[in-house]
Every structure is written in structure tokens, then in C-alpha cells.
Amino acid sequence: MLYHGSDKDPLTTFATALFTHNAQIALFAFALGFAFAVPTALLLVYNGLMLGALLRVYAAKGLAMPFLGWIMIHGTTELFAITLAGAAGFRIGLAIAFPGRAARLDSAVEAGRSAGVAMAGVVLMLLVAGLLEGIGRQTVTIDWQRYAIGGVIFAGWLIYYYLPRGRDGRV
């Protein structure tokens, strides 16, 4: 069922629904940070539990590895994007909760500027994940290839975000 399509491919509709859902989760994780980051934390935990429950349903039928491959081709990008959006939300929430010597509003504005830059990256990542979900997941039907694509893309995101840079932003 994970690999067979038709002229009226329900996976395309499902991919669109998942992309929309994940974009909403990322935006909520960011936007709810203003409430001292508590709703952001709850949202991230809730979504992790839902993904875990779905994995358990597939595992009960002996489909854990195919399910993980089906998710991994795009999920490494989507889940990393949602995590970054949550981190941006935490940045704002913590700046409001613990402003330091700055005024609470000034601290929130400064945190919002840096978190906004992170959210620009999240939007790009969600667009890439949407392409992977809509095209890659539908056309690549061999599990090890899905794992390889997801792993390489995840490694690319890690290198992009965590490679040490100088003060001028260059590697």
C-alpha cells in the first residue's frame, strides 16, 4: 500500500495534507513561543508522540522499516525544520521570560530578529521537504534508496547549519 499508486493517486493528496500540517506545526511552534515557550514545548512533544504512535501501528504489522523509509526521504528535512522552528519559538519565549538587563519588549524584539532569520531557513526547508514528499517519496520505492536519500539530505542540512563560520559568515 505504501508503494502502489493509481491515476487518482491518494498519496499525492496525503503528501499535500502532510506538507500543510507540517508547515502549520512549524509556524505554530514558532509563533507560540511568545507564551514563555510552554505551548511550543507541548506542541513538539504532542507531534513526536503522534509520529511514535503511527510508527507503532506500522510496526505491529511488520512494516516498521518500510514506514521509516517512507518517512525518512522527506521527514529528515521536515522534522529538522519543525525542530528549528521550535527552537526559534523557544528563543522568543526565553527572551520574554528572562530578559536580563534589557526591557522585556526590547529583549523580545531582539530575539524575534534572530528567530526570524531562522524561520526563513525553515520556510526553505519546508519547500524542499514538499518537493521530496511530492516527487521523491512517490517515485523512489526501494527502502534502502529512501534511507540513503534521507540520510544524505539530513547530513547536508547539518553541514549547512552547523559548519563553523567566521564572523563574516563565510566558512
N, C-alpha and C. Protein backbone atom coordinates (compact mmCIF):
# COMPACT_ATOMS: atom_id res chain seq x y z
N MET A 1 0.81 -1.20 0.00
CA MET A 1 0.00 0.00 0.00
C MET A 1 0.86 1.26 0.00
N LEU A 2 2.03 1.22 0.59
CA LEU A 2 2.89 2.41 0.64
C LEU A 2 3.50 2.73 -0.72
N TYR A 3 3.53 1.76 -1.64
CA TYR A 3 4.27 1.95 -2.87
C TYR A 3 3.42 1.96 -4.13
N HIS A 4 2.19 1.60 -4.05
CA HIS A 4 1.38 1.48 -5.26
C HIS A 4 0.49 2.70 -5.43
N GLY A 5 0.54 3.29 -6.61
CA GLY A 5 -0.28 4.44 -6.92
C GLY A 5 -1.31 4.09 -7.97
N SER A 6 -2.06 5.09 -8.38
CA SER A 6 -3.04 4.92 -9.45
C SER A 6 -3.18 6.25 -10.15
N ASP A 7 -4.09 6.30 -11.10
CA ASP A 7 -4.33 7.57 -11.78
C ASP A 7 -4.84 8.62 -10.81
N LYS A 8 -5.62 8.19 -9.83
CA LYS A 8 -6.10 9.09 -8.78
C LYS A 8 -5.29 8.78 -7.54
N ASP A 9 -4.06 9.20 -7.55
CA ASP A 9 -3.11 8.82 -6.51
C ASP A 9 -3.45 9.47 -5.17
N PRO A 10 -3.92 8.67 -4.20
CA PRO A 10 -4.25 9.25 -2.90
C PRO A 10 -3.00 9.71 -2.15
N LEU A 11 -1.82 9.20 -2.54
CA LEU A 11 -0.59 9.64 -1.87
C LEU A 11 -0.29 11.10 -2.17
N THR A 12 -0.68 11.58 -3.34
CA THR A 12 -0.48 12.99 -3.65
C THR A 12 -1.31 13.86 -2.72
N THR A 13 -2.54 13.46 -2.52
CA THR A 13 -3.41 14.19 -1.59
C THR A 13 -2.86 14.09 -0.18
N PHE A 14 -2.42 12.90 0.18
CA PHE A 14 -1.84 12.69 1.51
C PHE A 14 -0.58 13.52 1.69
N ALA A 15 0.27 13.57 0.66
CA ALA A 15 1.50 14.37 0.73
C ALA A 15 1.18 15.84 0.92
N THR A 16 0.17 16.32 0.23
CA THR A 16 -0.24 17.72 0.38
C THR A 16 -0.75 17.98 1.79
N ALA A 17 -1.55 17.06 2.30
CA ALA A 17 -2.07 17.21 3.66
C ALA A 17 -0.93 17.20 4.68
N LEU A 18 0.03 16.30 4.50
CA LEU A 18 1.17 16.25 5.43
C LEU A 18 2.01 17.52 5.36
N PHE A 19 2.26 18.00 4.15
CA PHE A 19 3.05 19.23 3.99
C PHE A 19 2.34 20.39 4.67
N THR A 20 1.03 20.51 4.45
CA THR A 20 0.26 21.59 5.07
C THR A 20 0.30 21.46 6.59
N HIS A 21 0.11 20.25 7.07
CA HIS A 21 0.15 20.01 8.52
C HIS A 21 1.51 20.39 9.10
N ASN A 22 2.58 19.95 8.46
CA ASN A 22 3.92 20.23 8.99
C ASN A 22 4.27 21.71 8.92
N ALA A 23 3.80 22.39 7.88
CA ALA A 23 4.02 23.85 7.81
C ALA A 23 3.27 24.55 8.94
N GLN A 24 2.05 24.09 9.21
CA GLN A 24 1.28 24.68 10.32
C GLN A 24 1.96 24.43 11.65
N ILE A 25 2.45 23.21 11.85
CA ILE A 25 3.13 22.88 13.10
C ILE A 25 4.37 23.76 13.27
N ALA A 26 5.14 23.92 12.21
CA ALA A 26 6.35 24.75 12.29
C ALA A 26 5.98 26.19 12.63
N LEU A 27 4.97 26.72 11.97
CA LEU A 27 4.58 28.11 12.25
C LEU A 27 4.02 28.26 13.66
N PHE A 28 3.22 27.29 14.10
CA PHE A 28 2.71 27.33 15.47
C PHE A 28 3.84 27.21 16.49
N ALA A 29 4.78 26.31 16.23
CA ALA A 29 5.90 26.13 17.16
C ALA A 29 6.68 27.44 17.31
N PHE A 30 6.79 28.17 16.24
CA PHE A 30 7.47 29.46 16.29
C PHE A 30 6.60 30.51 16.98
N ALA A 31 5.37 30.65 16.51
CA ALA A 31 4.51 31.73 16.98
C ALA A 31 4.10 31.58 18.44
N LEU A 32 3.95 30.36 18.91
CA LEU A 32 3.51 30.16 20.30
C LEU A 32 4.65 30.34 21.30
N GLY A 33 5.84 30.58 20.81
CA GLY A 33 6.97 30.79 21.70
C GLY A 33 6.79 32.00 22.61
N PHE A 34 5.99 32.98 22.17
CA PHE A 34 5.83 34.19 22.99
C PHE A 34 5.23 33.89 24.36
N ALA A 35 4.56 32.76 24.51
CA ALA A 35 3.92 32.40 25.79
C ALA A 35 4.92 31.62 26.66
N PHE A 36 6.11 32.18 26.78
CA PHE A 36 7.19 31.59 27.61
C PHE A 36 7.59 30.21 27.13
N ALA A 37 7.35 29.89 25.87
CA ALA A 37 7.76 28.66 25.20
C ALA A 37 7.03 27.41 25.67
N VAL A 38 6.11 27.52 26.60
CA VAL A 38 5.39 26.34 27.10
C VAL A 38 4.53 25.70 26.00
N PRO A 39 3.71 26.46 25.26
CA PRO A 39 2.92 25.81 24.20
C PRO A 39 3.81 25.20 23.11
N THR A 40 4.94 25.83 22.84
CA THR A 40 5.87 25.28 21.85
C THR A 40 6.36 23.91 22.29
N ALA A 41 6.76 23.79 23.54
CA ALA A 41 7.23 22.51 24.06
C ALA A 41 6.13 21.46 23.99
N LEU A 42 4.92 21.83 24.38
CA LEU A 42 3.80 20.88 24.35
C LEU A 42 3.48 20.44 22.93
N LEU A 43 3.53 21.36 22.00
CA LEU A 43 3.25 21.05 20.60
C LEU A 43 4.29 20.08 20.03
N LEU A 44 5.55 20.32 20.32
CA LEU A 44 6.60 19.43 19.82
C LEU A 44 6.49 18.04 20.44
N VAL A 45 6.20 17.96 21.71
CA VAL A 45 6.02 16.66 22.36
C VAL A 45 4.81 15.94 21.78
N TYR A 46 3.71 16.64 21.62
CA TYR A 46 2.49 16.04 21.07
C TYR A 46 2.75 15.46 19.68
N ASN A 47 3.41 16.21 18.82
CA ASN A 47 3.67 15.73 17.47
C ASN A 47 4.64 14.56 17.46
N GLY A 48 5.61 14.57 18.36
CA GLY A 48 6.51 13.43 18.48
C GLY A 48 5.76 12.18 18.92
N LEU A 49 4.84 12.35 19.85
CA LEU A 49 4.03 11.21 20.30
C LEU A 49 3.14 10.67 19.18
N MET A 50 2.58 11.56 18.38
CA MET A 50 1.73 11.12 17.26
C MET A 50 2.55 10.34 16.24
N LEU A 51 3.74 10.81 15.93
CA LEU A 51 4.60 10.10 14.99
C LEU A 51 5.00 8.74 15.56
N GLY A 52 5.30 8.70 16.85
CA GLY A 52 5.64 7.45 17.50
C GLY A 52 4.48 6.47 17.49
N ALA A 53 3.27 6.96 17.71
CA ALA A 53 2.09 6.10 17.67
C ALA A 53 1.87 5.53 16.27
N LEU A 54 2.07 6.36 15.27
CA LEU A 54 1.92 5.90 13.90
C LEU A 54 2.96 4.83 13.57
N LEU A 55 4.18 5.04 14.02
CA LEU A 55 5.23 4.04 13.83
C LEU A 55 4.84 2.73 14.50
N ARG A 56 4.27 2.81 15.68
CA ARG A 56 3.87 1.60 16.40
C ARG A 56 2.77 0.84 15.66
N VAL A 57 1.86 1.54 15.04
CA VAL A 57 0.80 0.89 14.26
C VAL A 57 1.43 0.10 13.10
N TYR A 58 2.37 0.71 12.39
CA TYR A 58 3.02 0.02 11.28
C TYR A 58 3.91 -1.11 11.78
N ALA A 59 4.59 -0.90 12.89
CA ALA A 59 5.46 -1.94 13.45
C ALA A 59 4.66 -3.17 13.84
N ALA A 60 3.46 -2.99 14.33
CA ALA A 60 2.61 -4.12 14.71
C ALA A 60 2.28 -5.00 13.52
N LYS A 61 2.32 -4.43 12.34
CA LYS A 61 2.05 -5.19 11.11
C LYS A 61 3.33 -5.62 10.40
N GLY A 62 4.48 -5.42 11.06
CA GLY A 62 5.76 -5.79 10.45
C GLY A 62 6.24 -4.83 9.39
N LEU A 63 5.74 -3.61 9.41
CA LEU A 63 6.08 -2.62 8.38
C LEU A 63 6.89 -1.44 8.93
N ALA A 64 7.58 -1.63 10.03
CA ALA A 64 8.32 -0.51 10.63
C ALA A 64 9.40 0.01 9.70
N MET A 65 10.20 -0.88 9.14
CA MET A 65 11.31 -0.43 8.28
C MET A 65 10.81 0.23 6.99
N PRO A 66 9.82 -0.34 6.29
CA PRO A 66 9.29 0.37 5.12
C PRO A 66 8.67 1.71 5.49
N PHE A 67 7.98 1.76 6.62
CA PHE A 67 7.37 3.02 7.06
C PHE A 67 8.45 4.07 7.32
N LEU A 68 9.51 3.67 8.01
CA LEU A 68 10.59 4.62 8.30
C LEU A 68 11.26 5.10 7.01
N GLY A 69 11.43 4.21 6.03
CA GLY A 69 11.98 4.64 4.75
C GLY A 69 11.04 5.59 4.03
N TRP A 70 9.75 5.30 4.13
CA TRP A 70 8.73 6.14 3.50
C TRP A 70 8.74 7.54 4.11
N ILE A 71 8.96 7.61 5.42
CA ILE A 71 9.01 8.89 6.12
C ILE A 71 10.36 9.58 5.94
N MET A 72 11.43 8.80 5.97
CA MET A 72 12.78 9.38 6.04
C MET A 72 13.15 10.20 4.82
N ILE A 73 12.68 9.82 3.64
CA ILE A 73 13.10 10.53 2.43
C ILE A 73 12.77 12.03 2.52
N HIS A 74 11.68 12.37 3.18
CA HIS A 74 11.33 13.78 3.34
C HIS A 74 11.32 14.20 4.82
N GLY A 75 11.15 13.23 5.70
CA GLY A 75 10.98 13.53 7.12
C GLY A 75 12.22 14.11 7.77
N THR A 76 13.40 13.72 7.28
CA THR A 76 14.60 14.31 7.89
C THR A 76 14.61 15.82 7.70
N THR A 77 14.13 16.28 6.57
CA THR A 77 14.07 17.72 6.32
C THR A 77 12.91 18.34 7.09
N GLU A 78 11.73 17.74 7.03
CA GLU A 78 10.57 18.31 7.71
C GLU A 78 10.74 18.34 9.22
N LEU A 79 11.17 17.24 9.79
CA LEU A 79 11.31 17.19 11.24
C LEU A 79 12.41 18.13 11.74
N PHE A 80 13.48 18.25 10.97
CA PHE A 80 14.54 19.19 11.33
C PHE A 80 14.01 20.63 11.24
N ALA A 81 13.22 20.91 10.21
CA ALA A 81 12.64 22.25 10.07
C ALA A 81 11.71 22.56 11.24
N ILE A 82 10.89 21.60 11.62
CA ILE A 82 9.98 21.81 12.75
C ILE A 82 10.78 22.01 14.04
N THR A 83 11.85 21.26 14.21
CA THR A 83 12.71 21.43 15.38
C THR A 83 13.33 22.82 15.41
N LEU A 84 13.80 23.29 14.27
CA LEU A 84 14.37 24.65 14.20
C LEU A 84 13.31 25.71 14.48
N ALA A 85 12.10 25.50 13.99
CA ALA A 85 11.01 26.45 14.27
C ALA A 85 10.71 26.46 15.76
N GLY A 86 10.71 25.29 16.38
CA GLY A 86 10.52 25.22 17.83
C GLY A 86 11.63 25.94 18.57
N ALA A 87 12.86 25.77 18.11
CA ALA A 87 14.00 26.46 18.74
C ALA A 87 13.85 27.97 18.61
N ALA A 88 13.37 28.43 17.46
CA ALA A 88 13.14 29.86 17.28
C ALA A 88 12.04 30.34 18.22
N GLY A 89 11.01 29.52 18.40
CA GLY A 89 9.95 29.86 19.36
C GLY A 89 10.48 29.91 20.78
N PHE A 90 11.34 28.93 21.12
CA PHE A 90 11.98 28.94 22.44
C PHE A 90 12.82 30.19 22.63
N ARG A 91 13.49 30.62 21.58
CA ARG A 91 14.35 31.82 21.66
C ARG A 91 13.51 33.02 22.08
N ILE A 92 12.36 33.17 21.46
CA ILE A 92 11.49 34.29 21.80
C ILE A 92 10.91 34.12 23.21
N GLY A 93 10.42 32.94 23.51
CA GLY A 93 9.82 32.70 24.83
C GLY A 93 10.80 32.91 25.96
N LEU A 94 12.02 32.44 25.79
CA LEU A 94 13.02 32.62 26.83
C LEU A 94 13.46 34.08 26.96
N ALA A 95 13.47 34.79 25.83
CA ALA A 95 13.82 36.21 25.89
C ALA A 95 12.75 37.00 26.64
N ILE A 96 11.51 36.59 26.52
CA ILE A 96 10.43 37.26 27.25
C ILE A 96 10.46 36.86 28.72
N ALA A 97 10.67 35.58 28.98
CA ALA A 97 10.67 35.11 30.37
C ALA A 97 11.89 35.60 31.15
N PHE A 98 13.03 35.65 30.47
CA PHE A 98 14.28 36.04 31.12
C PHE A 98 14.98 37.11 30.29
N PRO A 99 14.50 38.36 30.39
CA PRO A 99 15.03 39.42 29.52
C PRO A 99 16.42 39.92 29.92
N GLY A 100 16.90 39.53 31.08
CA GLY A 100 18.20 40.03 31.52
C GLY A 100 18.10 41.50 31.89
N ARG A 101 19.09 42.26 31.51
CA ARG A 101 19.12 43.70 31.84
C ARG A 101 18.28 44.54 30.90
N ALA A 102 17.90 43.97 29.76
CA ALA A 102 17.10 44.72 28.78
C ALA A 102 15.63 44.72 29.21
N ALA A 103 14.89 45.67 28.67
CA ALA A 103 13.44 45.67 28.89
C ALA A 103 12.85 44.45 28.21
N ARG A 104 11.77 43.94 28.74
CA ARG A 104 11.16 42.72 28.21
C ARG A 104 10.82 42.86 26.72
N LEU A 105 10.26 43.99 26.33
CA LEU A 105 9.90 44.20 24.94
C LEU A 105 11.15 44.27 24.06
N ASP A 106 12.18 44.97 24.52
CA ASP A 106 13.43 45.06 23.74
C ASP A 106 14.06 43.68 23.57
N SER A 107 14.03 42.90 24.63
CA SER A 107 14.57 41.54 24.56
C SER A 107 13.79 40.69 23.57
N ALA A 108 12.47 40.83 23.58
CA ALA A 108 11.62 40.07 22.65
C ALA A 108 11.87 40.49 21.20
N VAL A 109 12.04 41.78 20.97
CA VAL A 109 12.30 42.28 19.61
C VAL A 109 13.62 41.74 19.09
N GLU A 110 14.66 41.79 19.92
CA GLU A 110 15.97 41.29 19.51
C GLU A 110 15.91 39.79 19.23
N ALA A 111 15.24 39.04 20.09
CA ALA A 111 15.09 37.60 19.88
C ALA A 111 14.28 37.33 18.62
N GLY A 112 13.26 38.14 18.38
CA GLY A 112 12.44 37.98 17.19
C GLY A 112 13.22 38.18 15.91
N ARG A 113 14.17 39.10 15.92
CA ARG A 113 15.01 39.32 14.73
C ARG A 113 15.84 38.08 14.41
N SER A 114 16.51 37.54 15.42
CA SER A 114 17.34 36.37 15.16
C SER A 114 16.48 35.14 14.86
N ALA A 115 15.34 35.01 15.52
CA ALA A 115 14.45 33.89 15.26
C ALA A 115 13.83 34.00 13.86
N GLY A 116 13.59 35.20 13.42
CA GLY A 116 13.04 35.42 12.08
C GLY A 116 13.99 34.93 10.99
N VAL A 117 15.27 35.13 11.20
CA VAL A 117 16.27 34.63 10.24
C VAL A 117 16.20 33.10 10.20
N ALA A 118 16.09 32.47 11.36
CA ALA A 118 15.98 31.01 11.41
C ALA A 118 14.71 30.56 10.69
N MET A 119 13.63 31.30 10.84
CA MET A 119 12.37 30.91 10.20
C MET A 119 12.45 31.03 8.68
N ALA A 120 13.28 31.92 8.17
CA ALA A 120 13.48 31.98 6.72
C ALA A 120 14.09 30.67 6.24
N GLY A 121 15.03 30.14 7.01
CA GLY A 121 15.60 28.83 6.68
C GLY A 121 14.59 27.72 6.81
N VAL A 122 13.71 27.81 7.78
CA VAL A 122 12.66 26.80 7.97
C VAL A 122 11.73 26.77 6.77
N VAL A 123 11.35 27.94 6.27
CA VAL A 123 10.47 28.00 5.10
C VAL A 123 11.15 27.33 3.90
N LEU A 124 12.43 27.60 3.69
CA LEU A 124 13.17 26.97 2.60
C LEU A 124 13.19 25.45 2.79
N MET A 125 13.44 25.01 4.01
CA MET A 125 13.48 23.58 4.28
C MET A 125 12.12 22.93 4.02
N LEU A 126 11.05 23.60 4.39
CA LEU A 126 9.71 23.04 4.17
C LEU A 126 9.38 22.96 2.67
N LEU A 127 9.88 23.91 1.89
CA LEU A 127 9.69 23.83 0.44
C LEU A 127 10.45 22.63 -0.14
N VAL A 128 11.68 22.43 0.31
CA VAL A 128 12.47 21.28 -0.14
C VAL A 128 11.77 19.99 0.29
N ALA A 129 11.30 19.94 1.53
CA ALA A 129 10.60 18.75 2.02
C ALA A 129 9.34 18.48 1.20
N GLY A 130 8.65 19.53 0.81
CA GLY A 130 7.46 19.36 -0.02
C GLY A 130 7.79 18.74 -1.37
N LEU A 131 8.89 19.17 -1.96
CA LEU A 131 9.32 18.56 -3.23
C LEU A 131 9.71 17.10 -3.03
N LEU A 132 10.45 16.84 -1.96
CA LEU A 132 10.83 15.45 -1.68
C LEU A 132 9.61 14.58 -1.40
N GLU A 133 8.65 15.15 -0.72
CA GLU A 133 7.45 14.40 -0.37
C GLU A 133 6.57 14.17 -1.59
N GLY A 134 6.44 15.18 -2.40
CA GLY A 134 5.56 15.08 -3.56
C GLY A 134 6.16 14.31 -4.72
N ILE A 135 7.48 14.35 -4.87
CA ILE A 135 8.12 13.70 -6.01
C ILE A 135 8.95 12.49 -5.56
N GLY A 136 9.93 12.75 -4.68
CA GLY A 136 10.86 11.69 -4.29
C GLY A 136 10.19 10.51 -3.63
N ARG A 137 9.31 10.78 -2.71
CA ARG A 137 8.68 9.67 -2.00
C ARG A 137 7.78 8.87 -2.92
N GLN A 138 7.23 9.50 -3.94
CA GLN A 138 6.32 8.81 -4.86
C GLN A 138 7.08 7.98 -5.90
N THR A 139 8.27 8.43 -6.28
CA THR A 139 8.99 7.76 -7.36
C THR A 139 10.06 6.79 -6.87
N VAL A 140 10.63 7.03 -5.72
CA VAL A 140 11.64 6.12 -5.17
C VAL A 140 10.91 5.13 -4.27
N THR A 141 10.90 3.87 -4.69
CA THR A 141 10.12 2.88 -3.96
C THR A 141 10.99 1.79 -3.32
N ILE A 142 12.29 1.96 -3.34
CA ILE A 142 13.19 0.99 -2.73
C ILE A 142 13.66 1.58 -1.40
N ASP A 143 13.44 0.83 -0.34
CA ASP A 143 13.68 1.35 1.01
C ASP A 143 15.10 1.84 1.22
N TRP A 144 16.11 1.07 0.82
CA TRP A 144 17.48 1.49 1.09
C TRP A 144 17.79 2.80 0.35
N GLN A 145 17.19 3.01 -0.81
CA GLN A 145 17.41 4.27 -1.53
C GLN A 145 16.75 5.43 -0.79
N ARG A 146 15.58 5.18 -0.23
CA ARG A 146 14.91 6.22 0.56
C ARG A 146 15.75 6.57 1.79
N TYR A 147 16.27 5.56 2.46
CA TYR A 147 17.14 5.80 3.61
C TYR A 147 18.37 6.59 3.19
N ALA A 148 18.97 6.22 2.07
CA ALA A 148 20.18 6.91 1.60
C ALA A 148 19.88 8.37 1.26
N ILE A 149 18.80 8.60 0.54
CA ILE A 149 18.45 9.98 0.17
C ILE A 149 18.17 10.80 1.42
N GLY A 150 17.36 10.26 2.33
CA GLY A 150 17.06 10.98 3.56
C GLY A 150 18.31 11.26 4.38
N GLY A 151 19.20 10.27 4.48
CA GLY A 151 20.43 10.44 5.25
C GLY A 151 21.36 11.48 4.64
N VAL A 152 21.51 11.46 3.32
CA VAL A 152 22.38 12.43 2.65
C VAL A 152 21.81 13.85 2.79
N ILE A 153 20.52 13.98 2.63
CA ILE A 153 19.90 15.30 2.76
C ILE A 153 20.02 15.82 4.20
N PHE A 154 19.81 14.93 5.17
CA PHE A 154 19.96 15.33 6.58
C PHE A 154 21.40 15.75 6.87
N ALA A 155 22.36 15.00 6.36
CA ALA A 155 23.77 15.37 6.54
C ALA A 155 24.04 16.74 5.90
N GLY A 156 23.43 16.98 4.74
CA GLY A 156 23.60 18.29 4.09
C GLY A 156 23.06 19.42 4.94
N TRP A 157 21.88 19.22 5.54
CA TRP A 157 21.32 20.26 6.41
C TRP A 157 22.20 20.48 7.63
N LEU A 158 22.70 19.40 8.21
CA LEU A 158 23.58 19.54 9.39
C LEU A 158 24.84 20.31 9.04
N ILE A 159 25.42 20.00 7.90
CA ILE A 159 26.62 20.72 7.46
C ILE A 159 26.29 22.19 7.23
N TYR A 160 25.17 22.44 6.56
CA TYR A 160 24.79 23.82 6.27
C TYR A 160 24.60 24.64 7.55
N TYR A 161 23.88 24.06 8.51
CA TYR A 161 23.54 24.82 9.71
C TYR A 161 24.65 24.82 10.77
N TYR A 162 25.47 23.78 10.80
CA TYR A 162 26.41 23.67 11.91
C TYR A 162 27.88 23.76 11.53
N LEU A 163 28.20 23.91 10.26
CA LEU A 163 29.59 24.08 9.87
C LEU A 163 30.09 25.39 10.44
N PRO A 164 31.24 25.36 11.12
CA PRO A 164 31.74 26.61 11.73
C PRO A 164 31.96 27.68 10.66
N ARG A 165 31.58 28.89 11.00
CA ARG A 165 31.76 30.02 10.10
C ARG A 165 32.52 31.12 10.84
N GLY A 166 33.16 31.97 10.06
CA GLY A 166 33.82 33.13 10.64
C GLY A 166 32.82 34.21 10.97
N ARG A 167 33.30 35.30 11.51
CA ARG A 167 32.41 36.41 11.87
C ARG A 167 31.68 37.00 10.67
N ASP A 168 32.32 36.91 9.49
CA ASP A 168 31.70 37.48 8.30
C ASP A 168 30.70 36.51 7.66
N GLY A 169 30.50 35.32 8.26
CA GLY A 169 29.51 34.38 7.76
C GLY A 169 30.06 33.37 6.78
N ARG A 170 31.33 33.53 6.38
CA ARG A 170 31.89 32.58 5.42
C ARG A 170 32.55 31.42 6.14
N VAL A 171 32.59 30.29 5.44
CA VAL A 171 33.19 29.08 6.01
C VAL A 171 34.68 29.25 6.15
